[in-house]
PDB file of N, CA and C in Angstrom:
ATOM      1  N   MET A   1      -1.686  -0.548  -3.539  1.00  0.00           N
ATOM      2  CA  MET A   1      -2.266  -0.387  -2.216  1.00  0.00           C
ATOM      3  C   MET A   1      -3.605   0.344  -2.322  1.00  0.00           C
ATOM      4  N   ALA A   2      -3.637   1.409  -3.144  1.00  0.00           N
ATOM      5  CA  ALA A   2      -4.880   2.158  -3.299  1.00  0.00           C
ATOM      6  C   ALA A   2      -6.001   1.254  -3.802  1.00  0.00           C
ATOM      7  N   ASP A   3      -5.677   0.401  -4.770  1.00  0.00           N
ATOM      8  CA  ASP A   3      -6.702  -0.504  -5.299  1.00  0.00           C
ATOM      9  C   ASP A   3      -7.193  -1.467  -4.238  1.00  0.00           C
ATOM     10  N   GLU A   4      -6.287  -1.992  -3.450  1.00  0.00           N
ATOM     11  CA  GLU A   4      -6.681  -2.936  -2.401  1.00  0.00           C
ATOM     12  C   GLU A   4      -7.534  -2.251  -1.324  1.00  0.00           C
ATOM     13  N   LEU A   5      -7.308  -0.956  -1.141  1.00  0.00           N
ATOM     14  CA  LEU A   5      -8.101  -0.199  -0.174  1.00  0.00           C
ATOM     15  C   LEU A   5      -9.378   0.362  -0.797  1.00  0.00           C
ATOM     16  N   ASN A   6      -9.495   0.188  -2.121  1.00  0.00           N
ATOM     17  CA  ASN A   6     -10.649   0.681  -2.867  1.00  0.00           C
ATOM     18  C   ASN A   6     -10.780   2.202  -2.776  1.00  0.00           C
ATOM     19  N   ILE A   7      -9.616   2.886  -2.926  1.00  0.00           N
ATOM     20  CA  ILE A   7      -9.597   4.345  -2.958  1.00  0.00           C
ATOM     21  C   ILE A   7      -8.727   4.780  -4.135  1.00  0.00           C
ATOM     22  N   THR A   8      -8.786   6.053  -4.457  1.00  0.00           N
ATOM     23  CA  THR A   8      -7.984   6.566  -5.567  1.00  0.00           C
ATOM     24  C   THR A   8      -6.518   6.660  -5.154  1.00  0.00           C
ATOM     25  N   LEU A   9      -5.639   6.733  -6.160  1.00  0.00           N
ATOM     26  CA  LEU A   9      -4.217   6.922  -5.872  1.00  0.00           C
ATOM     27  C   LEU A   9      -4.000   8.253  -5.154  1.00  0.00           C
ATOM     28  N   ALA A  10      -4.741   9.280  -5.571  1.00  0.00           N
ATOM     29  CA  ALA A  10      -4.623  10.587  -4.915  1.00  0.00           C
ATOM     30  C   ALA A  10      -5.034  10.495  -3.447  1.00  0.00           C
ATOM     31  N   GLY A  11      -6.106   9.739  -3.182  1.00  0.00           N
ATOM     32  CA  GLY A  11      -6.554   9.556  -1.805  1.00  0.00           C
ATOM     33  C   GLY A  11      -5.522   8.838  -0.966  1.00  0.00           C
ATOM     34  N   TYR A  12      -4.915   7.799  -1.546  1.00  0.00           N
ATOM     35  CA  TYR A  12      -3.895   7.062  -0.812  1.00  0.00           C
ATOM     36  C   TYR A  12      -2.643   7.916  -0.616  1.00  0.00           C
ATOM     37  N   SER A  13      -2.309   8.718  -1.611  1.00  0.00           N
ATOM     38  CA  SER A  13      -1.157   9.612  -1.499  1.00  0.00           C
ATOM     39  C   SER A  13      -1.338  10.578  -0.329  1.00  0.00           C
ATOM     40  N   LYS A  14      -2.553  11.067  -0.147  1.00  0.00           N
ATOM     41  CA  LYS A  14      -2.832  11.973   0.979  1.00  0.00           C
ATOM     42  C   LYS A  14      -2.633  11.262   2.311  1.00  0.00           C
ATOM     43  N   ILE A  15      -2.992   9.979   2.373  1.00  0.00           N
ATOM     44  CA  ILE A  15      -2.769   9.209   3.599  1.00  0.00           C
ATOM     45  C   ILE A  15      -1.275   9.095   3.860  1.00  0.00           C
ATOM     46  N   GLU A  16      -0.502   8.732   2.825  1.00  0.00           N
ATOM     47  CA  GLU A  16       0.946   8.573   2.988  1.00  0.00           C
ATOM     48  C   GLU A  16       1.617   9.862   3.433  1.00  0.00           C
ATOM     49  N   ARG A  17       1.134  10.987   2.915  1.00  0.00           N
ATOM     50  CA  ARG A  17       1.745  12.277   3.242  1.00  0.00           C
ATOM     51  C   ARG A  17       1.194  12.887   4.515  1.00  0.00           C
ATOM     52  N   GLY A  18       0.256  12.202   5.153  1.00  0.00           N
ATOM     53  CA  GLY A  18      -0.299  12.690   6.412  1.00  0.00           C
ATOM     54  C   GLY A  18      -1.282  13.829   6.238  1.00  0.00           C
ATOM     55  N   LEU A  19      -1.837  13.987   5.034  1.00  0.00           N
ATOM     56  CA  LEU A  19      -2.786  15.063   4.771  1.00  0.00           C
ATOM     57  C   LEU A  19      -4.216  14.656   5.082  1.00  0.00           C
ATOM     58  N   THR A  20      -4.442  13.359   5.226  1.00  0.00           N
ATOM     59  CA  THR A  20      -5.774  12.829   5.513  1.00  0.00           C
ATOM     60  C   THR A  20      -5.716  11.992   6.774  1.00  0.00           C
ATOM     61  N   GLU A  21      -6.673  12.214   7.655  1.00  0.00           N
ATOM     62  CA  GLU A  21      -6.763  11.363   8.842  1.00  0.00           C
ATOM     63  C   GLU A  21      -7.286  10.004   8.405  1.00  0.00           C
ATOM     64  N   ILE A  22      -6.754   8.972   9.001  1.00  0.00           N
ATOM     65  CA  ILE A  22      -7.099   7.609   8.596  1.00  0.00           C
ATOM     66  C   ILE A  22      -8.006   6.976   9.642  1.00  0.00           C
ATOM     67  N   SER A  23      -9.007   6.266   9.161  1.00  0.00           N
ATOM     68  CA  SER A  23      -9.925   5.589  10.079  1.00  0.00           C
ATOM     69  C   SER A  23      -9.268   4.321  10.616  1.00  0.00           C
ATOM     70  N   VAL A  24      -9.789   3.847  11.726  1.00  0.00           N
ATOM     71  CA  VAL A  24      -9.270   2.613  12.320  1.00  0.00           C
ATOM     72  C   VAL A  24      -9.476   1.443  11.357  1.00  0.00           C
ATOM     73  N   ASN A  25     -10.630   1.419  10.694  1.00  0.00           N
ATOM     74  CA  ASN A  25     -10.903   0.334   9.748  1.00  0.00           C
ATOM     75  C   ASN A  25      -9.887   0.327   8.612  1.00  0.00           C
ATOM     76  N   ARG A  26      -9.602   1.506   8.056  1.00  0.00           N
ATOM     77  CA  ARG A  26      -8.643   1.588   6.951  1.00  0.00           C
ATOM     78  C   ARG A  26      -7.230   1.238   7.441  1.00  0.00           C
ATOM     79  N   LEU A  27      -6.881   1.706   8.638  1.00  0.00           N
ATOM     80  CA  LEU A  27      -5.572   1.384   9.206  1.00  0.00           C
ATOM     81  C   LEU A  27      -5.434  -0.124   9.397  1.00  0.00           C
ATOM     82  N   THR A  28      -6.499  -0.765   9.859  1.00  0.00           N
ATOM     83  CA  THR A  28      -6.488  -2.221  10.038  1.00  0.00           C
ATOM     84  C   THR A  28      -6.288  -2.919   8.705  1.00  0.00           C
ATOM     85  N   LYS A  29      -6.963  -2.421   7.667  1.00  0.00           N
ATOM     86  CA  LYS A  29      -6.830  -3.033   6.345  1.00  0.00           C
ATOM     87  C   LYS A  29      -5.409  -2.853   5.800  1.00  0.00           C
ATOM     88  N   ILE A  30      -4.815  -1.685   6.000  1.00  0.00           N
ATOM     89  CA  ILE A  30      -3.434  -1.451   5.552  1.00  0.00           C
ATOM     90  C   ILE A  30      -2.492  -2.414   6.266  1.00  0.00           C
ATOM     91  N   ALA A  31      -2.674  -2.555   7.569  1.00  0.00           N
ATOM     92  CA  ALA A  31      -1.827  -3.479   8.335  1.00  0.00           C
ATOM     93  C   ALA A  31      -1.997  -4.902   7.814  1.00  0.00           C
ATOM     94  N   ASP A  32      -3.231  -5.309   7.522  1.00  0.00           N
ATOM     95  CA  ASP A  32      -3.487  -6.646   6.967  1.00  0.00           C
ATOM     96  C   ASP A  32      -2.771  -6.820   5.635  1.00  0.00           C
ATOM     97  N   ILE A  33      -2.874  -5.816   4.773  1.00  0.00           N
ATOM     98  CA  ILE A  33      -2.231  -5.882   3.461  1.00  0.00           C
ATOM     99  C   ILE A  33      -0.724  -6.023   3.611  1.00  0.00           C
ATOM    100  N   LEU A  34      -0.164  -5.329   4.600  1.00  0.00           N
ATOM    101  CA  LEU A  34       1.279  -5.395   4.841  1.00  0.00           C
ATOM    102  C   LEU A  34       1.684  -6.633   5.643  1.00  0.00           C
ATOM    103  N   GLY A  35       0.685  -7.430   6.054  1.00  0.00           N
ATOM    104  CA  GLY A  35       0.979  -8.663   6.770  1.00  0.00           C
ATOM    105  C   GLY A  35       1.411  -8.443   8.210  1.00  0.00           C
ATOM    106  N   MET A  36       0.835  -7.442   8.839  1.00  0.00           N
ATOM    107  CA  MET A  36       1.189  -7.171  10.235  1.00  0.00           C
ATOM    108  C   MET A  36      -0.050  -6.752  11.004  1.00  0.00           C
ATOM    109  N   SER A  37       0.057  -6.778  12.319  1.00  0.00           N
ATOM    110  CA  SER A  37      -1.056  -6.308  13.137  1.00  0.00           C
ATOM    111  C   SER A  37      -0.942  -4.793  13.281  1.00  0.00           C
ATOM    112  N   VAL A  38      -2.027  -4.169  13.691  1.00  0.00           N
ATOM    113  CA  VAL A  38      -2.008  -2.722  13.905  1.00  0.00           C
ATOM    114  C   VAL A  38      -1.002  -2.378  15.003  1.00  0.00           C
ATOM    115  N   VAL A  39      -0.921  -3.205  16.033  1.00  0.00           N
ATOM    116  CA  VAL A  39       0.046  -2.970  17.115  1.00  0.00           C
ATOM    117  C   VAL A  39       1.468  -2.992  16.565  1.00  0.00           C
ATOM    118  N   ASP A  40       1.793  -3.998  15.735  1.00  0.00           N
ATOM    119  CA  ASP A  40       3.123  -4.067  15.129  1.00  0.00           C
ATOM    120  C   ASP A  40       3.383  -2.853  14.245  1.00  0.00           C
ATOM    121  N   PHE A  41       2.349  -2.426  13.550  1.00  0.00           N
ATOM    122  CA  PHE A  41       2.461  -1.264  12.669  1.00  0.00           C
ATOM    123  C   PHE A  41       2.883  -0.042  13.472  1.00  0.00           C
ATOM    124  N   PHE A  42       2.214   0.194  14.605  1.00  0.00           N
ATOM    125  CA  PHE A  42       2.566   1.341  15.439  1.00  0.00           C
ATOM    126  C   PHE A  42       3.924   1.173  16.094  1.00  0.00           C
ATOM    127  N   GLN A  43       4.227  -0.016  16.581  1.00  0.00           N
ATOM    128  CA  GLN A  43       5.527  -0.233  17.221  1.00  0.00           C
ATOM    129  C   GLN A  43       6.657   0.008  16.247  1.00  0.00           C
ATOM    130  N   SER A  44       6.518  -0.463  15.015  1.00  0.00           N
ATOM    131  CA  SER A  44       7.587  -0.266  14.039  1.00  0.00           C
ATOM    132  C   SER A  44       7.733   1.209  13.700  1.00  0.00           C
ATOM    133  N   ASN A  45       6.621   1.933  13.609  1.00  0.00           N
ATOM    134  CA  ASN A  45       6.689   3.354  13.306  1.00  0.00           C
ATOM    135  C   ASN A  45       7.206   4.164  14.488  1.00  0.00           C
ATOM    136  N   LEU A  46       6.843   3.771  15.714  1.00  0.00           N
ATOM    137  CA  LEU A  46       7.341   4.481  16.893  1.00  0.00           C
ATOM    138  C   LEU A  46       8.846   4.312  17.045  1.00  0.00           C
ATOM    139  N   SER A  47       9.361   3.151  16.692  1.00  0.00           N
ATOM    140  CA  SER A  47      10.802   2.946  16.821  1.00  0.00           C
ATOM    141  C   SER A  47      11.562   3.884  15.899  1.00  0.00           C
ATOM    142  N   PHE A  48      10.974   4.227  14.752  1.00  0.00           N
ATOM    143  CA  PHE A  48      11.633   5.172  13.854  1.00  0.00           C
ATOM    144  C   PHE A  48      11.657   6.570  14.448  1.00  0.00           C
ATOM    145  N   VAL A  49      10.566   6.950  15.095  1.00  0.00           N
ATOM    146  CA  VAL A  49      10.478   8.279  15.685  1.00  0.00           C
ATOM    147  C   VAL A  49      11.421   8.391  16.876  1.00  0.00           C
ATOM    148  N   GLU A  50      11.488   7.339  17.695  1.00  0.00           N
ATOM    149  CA  GLU A  50      12.295   7.373  18.911  1.00  0.00           C
ATOM    150  C   GLU A  50      13.787   7.355  18.625  1.00  0.00           C
ATOM    151  N   ASP A  51      14.219   6.747  17.539  1.00  0.00           N
ATOM    152  CA  ASP A  51      15.640   6.582  17.277  1.00  0.00           C
ATOM    153  C   ASP A  51      15.987   7.161  15.917  1.00  0.00           C
ATOM    154  N   SER A  52      16.537   8.366  15.906  1.00  0.00           N
ATOM    155  CA  SER A  52      16.833   9.028  14.637  1.00  0.00           C
ATOM    156  C   SER A  52      17.917   8.313  13.845  1.00  0.00           C
ATOM    157  N   SER A  53      18.675   7.427  14.487  1.00  0.00           N
ATOM    158  CA  SER A  53      19.693   6.676  13.753  1.00  0.00           C
ATOM    159  C   SER A  53      19.069   5.666  12.801  1.00  0.00           C
ATOM    160  N   ASN A  54      17.774   5.456  12.935  1.00  0.00           N
ATOM    161  CA  ASN A  54      17.080   4.520  12.058  1.00  0.00           C
ATOM    162  C   ASN A  54      16.506   5.192  10.821  1.00  0.00           C
ATOM    163  N   LEU A  55      16.954   6.405  10.504  1.00  0.00           N
ATOM    164  CA  LEU A  55      16.423   7.095   9.332  1.00  0.00           C
ATOM    165  C   LEU A  55      16.664   6.293   8.065  1.00  0.00           C
ATOM    166  N   TYR A  56      17.826   5.663   7.987  1.00  0.00           N
ATOM    167  CA  TYR A  56      18.120   4.844   6.811  1.00  0.00           C
ATOM    168  C   TYR A  56      17.111   3.704   6.710  1.00  0.00           C
ATOM    169  N   GLN A  57      16.811   3.058   7.822  1.00  0.00           N
ATOM    170  CA  GLN A  57      15.829   1.979   7.845  1.00  0.00           C
ATOM    171  C   GLN A  57      14.454   2.507   7.453  1.00  0.00           C
ATOM    172  N   ARG A  58      14.108   3.696   7.936  1.00  0.00           N
ATOM    173  CA  ARG A  58      12.829   4.303   7.587  1.00  0.00           C
ATOM    174  C   ARG A  58      12.760   4.567   6.090  1.00  0.00           C
ATOM    175  N   ASP A  59      13.844   5.107   5.530  1.00  0.00           N
ATOM    176  CA  ASP A  59      13.874   5.368   4.090  1.00  0.00           C
ATOM    177  C   ASP A  59      13.726   4.077   3.293  1.00  0.00           C
ATOM    178  N   LEU A  60      14.356   3.014   3.763  1.00  0.00           N
ATOM    179  CA  LEU A  60      14.212   1.721   3.089  1.00  0.00           C
ATOM    180  C   LEU A  60      12.773   1.226   3.163  1.00  0.00           C
ATOM    181  N   THR A  61      12.165   1.391   4.313  1.00  0.00           N
ATOM    182  CA  THR A  61      10.780   0.963   4.483  1.00  0.00           C
ATOM    183  C   THR A  61       9.861   1.739   3.545  1.00  0.00           C
ATOM    184  N   ILE A  62      10.062   3.043   3.445  1.00  0.00           N
ATOM    185  CA  ILE A  62       9.265   3.860   2.532  1.00  0.00           C
ATOM    186  C   ILE A  62       9.464   3.388   1.107  1.00  0.00           C
ATOM    187  N   GLU A  63      10.700   3.093   0.730  1.00  0.00           N
ATOM    188  CA  GLU A  63      10.975   2.617  -0.628  1.00  0.00           C
ATOM    189  C   GLU A  63      10.313   1.258  -0.879  1.00  0.00           C
ATOM    190  N   ILE A  64      10.326   0.394   0.128  1.00  0.00           N
ATOM    191  CA  ILE A  64       9.662  -0.915  -0.003  1.00  0.00           C
ATOM    192  C   ILE A  64       8.160  -0.720  -0.202  1.00  0.00           C
ATOM    193  N   ILE A  65       7.569   0.207   0.537  1.00  0.00           N
ATOM    194  CA  ILE A  65       6.136   0.482   0.383  1.00  0.00           C
ATOM    195  C   ILE A  65       5.853   1.016  -1.011  1.00  0.00           C
ATOM    196  N   ARG A  66       6.699   1.920  -1.499  1.00  0.00           N
ATOM    197  CA  ARG A  66       6.513   2.451  -2.858  1.00  0.00           C
ATOM    198  C   ARG A  66       6.624   1.332  -3.887  1.00  0.00           C
ATOM    199  N   MET A  67       7.619   0.468  -3.722  1.00  0.00           N
ATOM    200  CA  MET A  67       7.774  -0.656  -4.651  1.00  0.00           C
ATOM    201  C   MET A  67       6.576  -1.589  -4.574  1.00  0.00           C
ATOM    202  N   SER A  68       6.071  -1.813  -3.375  1.00  0.00           N
ATOM    203  CA  SER A  68       4.896  -2.655  -3.198  1.00  0.00           C
ATOM    204  C   SER A  68       3.700  -2.058  -3.928  1.00  0.00           C
ATOM    205  N   ASN A  69       3.552  -0.748  -3.847  1.00  0.00           N
ATOM    206  CA  ASN A  69       2.471  -0.073  -4.559  1.00  0.00           C
ATOM    207  C   ASN A  69       2.623  -0.246  -6.063  1.00  0.00           C
ATOM    208  N   THR A  70       3.858  -0.108  -6.551  1.00  0.00           N
ATOM    209  CA  THR A  70       4.123  -0.285  -7.975  1.00  0.00           C
ATOM    210  C   THR A  70       3.795  -1.707  -8.408  1.00  0.00           C
ATOM    211  N   ILE A  71       4.194  -2.673  -7.597  1.00  0.00           N
ATOM    212  CA  ILE A  71       3.892  -4.076  -7.902  1.00  0.00           C
ATOM    213  C   ILE A  71       2.381  -4.288  -7.939  1.00  0.00           C
ATOM    214  N   SER A  72       1.662  -3.696  -6.992  1.00  0.00           N
ATOM    215  CA  SER A  72       0.204  -3.820  -6.973  1.00  0.00           C
ATOM    216  C   SER A  72      -0.412  -3.230  -8.230  1.00  0.00           C
ATOM    217  N   GLU A  73       0.104  -2.083  -8.663  1.00  0.00           N
ATOM    218  CA  GLU A  73      -0.398  -1.461  -9.889  1.00  0.00           C
ATOM    219  C   GLU A  73      -0.134  -2.351 -11.098  1.00  0.00           C
ATOM    220  N   ILE A  74       1.058  -2.936 -11.174  1.00  0.00           N
ATOM    221  CA  ILE A  74       1.418  -3.821 -12.282  1.00  0.00           C
ATOM    222  C   ILE A  74       0.541  -5.069 -12.259  1.00  0.00           C
ATOM    223  N   GLN A  75       0.306  -5.623 -11.063  1.00  0.00           N
ATOM    224  CA  GLN A  75      -0.551  -6.803 -10.956  1.00  0.00           C
ATOM    225  C   GLN A  75      -1.966  -6.495 -11.424  1.00  0.00           C
ATOM    226  N   LEU A  76      -2.472  -5.322 -11.078  1.00  0.00           N
ATOM    227  CA  LEU A  76      -3.806  -4.927 -11.512  1.00  0.00           C
ATOM    228  C   LEU A  76      -3.840  -4.771 -13.030  1.00  0.00           C
ATOM    229  N   GLU A  77      -2.820  -4.132 -13.578  1.00  0.00           N
ATOM    230  CA  GLU A  77      -2.753  -3.964 -15.029  1.00  0.00           C
ATOM    231  C   GLU A  77      -2.686  -5.321 -15.731  1.00  0.00           C
ATOM    232  N   LEU A  78      -1.884  -6.235 -15.190  1.00  0.00           N
ATOM    233  CA  LEU A  78      -1.776  -7.571 -15.754  1.00  0.00           C
ATOM    234  C   LEU A  78      -3.120  -8.296 -15.692  1.00  0.00           C
ATOM    235  N   SER A  79      -3.800  -8.173 -14.575  1.00  0.00           N
ATOM    236  CA  SER A  79      -5.113  -8.792 -14.416  1.00  0.00           C
ATOM    237  C   SER A  79      -6.098  -8.234 -15.436  1.00  0.00           C
ATOM    238  N   ASN A  80      -6.073  -6.931 -15.631  1.00  0.00           N
ATOM    239  CA  ASN A  80      -6.963  -6.310 -16.624  1.00  0.00           C
ATOM    240  C   ASN A  80      -6.624  -6.785 -18.033  1.00  0.00           C
ATOM    241  N   LEU A  81      -5.341  -6.898 -18.351  1.00  0.00           N
ATOM    242  CA  LEU A  81      -4.933  -7.378 -19.675  1.00  0.00           C
ATOM    243  C   LEU A  81      -5.369  -8.820 -19.893  1.00  0.00           C
ATOM    244  N   LYS A  82      -5.232  -9.654 -18.865  1.00  0.00           N
ATOM    245  CA  LYS A  82      -5.670 -11.045 -18.966  1.00  0.00           C
ATOM    246  C   LYS A  82      -7.173 -11.109 -19.194  1.00  0.00           C
ATOM    247  N   ARG A  83      -7.919 -10.268 -18.475  1.00  0.00           N
ATOM    248  CA  ARG A  83      -9.373 -10.227 -18.615  1.00  0.00           C
ATOM    249  C   ARG A  83      -9.749  -9.810 -20.033  1.00  0.00           C
ATOM    250  N   GLU A  84      -9.061  -8.807 -20.575  1.00  0.00           N
ATOM    251  CA  GLU A  84      -9.327  -8.366 -21.945  1.00  0.00           C
ATOM    252  C   GLU A  84      -9.005  -9.468 -22.950  1.00  0.00           C
ATOM    253  N   LEU A  85      -7.889 -10.159 -22.726  1.00  0.00           N
ATOM    254  CA  LEU A  85      -7.490 -11.241 -23.621  1.00  0.00           C
ATOM    255  C   LEU A  85      -8.515 -12.368 -23.585  1.00  0.00           C
ATOM    256  N   THR A  86      -8.959 -12.723 -22.399  1.00  0.00           N
ATOM    257  CA  THR A  86      -9.957 -13.791 -22.246  1.00  0.00           C
ATOM    258  C   THR A  86     -11.277 -13.371 -22.907  1.00  0.00           C
ATOM    259  N   ALA A  87     -11.678 -12.132 -22.707  1.00  0.00           N
ATOM    260  CA  ALA A  87     -12.915 -11.649 -23.329  1.00  0.00           C
ATOM    261  C   ALA A  87     -12.795 -11.660 -24.848  1.00  0.00           C
ATOM    262  N   GLY A  88     -11.635 -11.315 -25.376  1.00  0.00           N
ATOM    263  CA  GLY A  88     -11.396 -11.332 -26.817  1.00  0.00           C
ATOM    264  C   GLY A  88     -11.481 -12.731 -27.397  1.00  0.00           C
ATOM    265  N   ARG A  89     -10.988 -13.711 -26.672  1.00  0.00           N
ATOM    266  CA  ARG A  89     -11.051 -15.104 -27.122  1.00  0.00           C
ATOM    267  C   ARG A  89     -12.481 -15.610 -27.159  1.00  0.00           C
ATOM    268  N   HIS A  90     -13.294 -15.167 -26.202  1.00  0.00           N
ATOM    269  CA  HIS A  90     -14.680 -15.615 -26.137  1.00  0.00           C
ATOM    270  C   HIS A  90     -15.526 -14.989 -27.244  1.00  0.00           C
ATOM    271  N   GLN A  91     -15.085 -13.840 -27.762  1.00  0.00           N
ATOM    272  CA  GLN A  91     -15.817 -13.187 -28.830  1.00  0.00           C
ATOM    273  C   GLN A  91     -15.554 -13.846 -30.187  1.00  0.00           C
ATOM    274  N   ASP A  92     -14.421 -14.526 -30.318  1.00  0.00           N
ATOM    275  CA  ASP A  92     -14.060 -15.154 -31.596  1.00  0.00           C
ATOM    276  C   ASP A  92     -14.878 -16.343 -31.839  1.00  0.00           C
TER     277      ASP A  92
END
């Protein structure tokens, strides 16, 4: 997620932990990355706040976001490895 937002992992971590205020543009980009509108993003988050019985659902959502971040990191690493491999072939 941090890579897609073009920010550091530390910067994105601050957003997740609520330590950094987020701009509307960045919020829109996060919603796009997650495949939802900003309105849907807020509605889904408000439902968690309004209904404490959804804590389990909230925890699952957080875990899905963490897994998504891990997948993004792995995809970036794979892309970099492919680029290195391709560059190595061109040097031969």
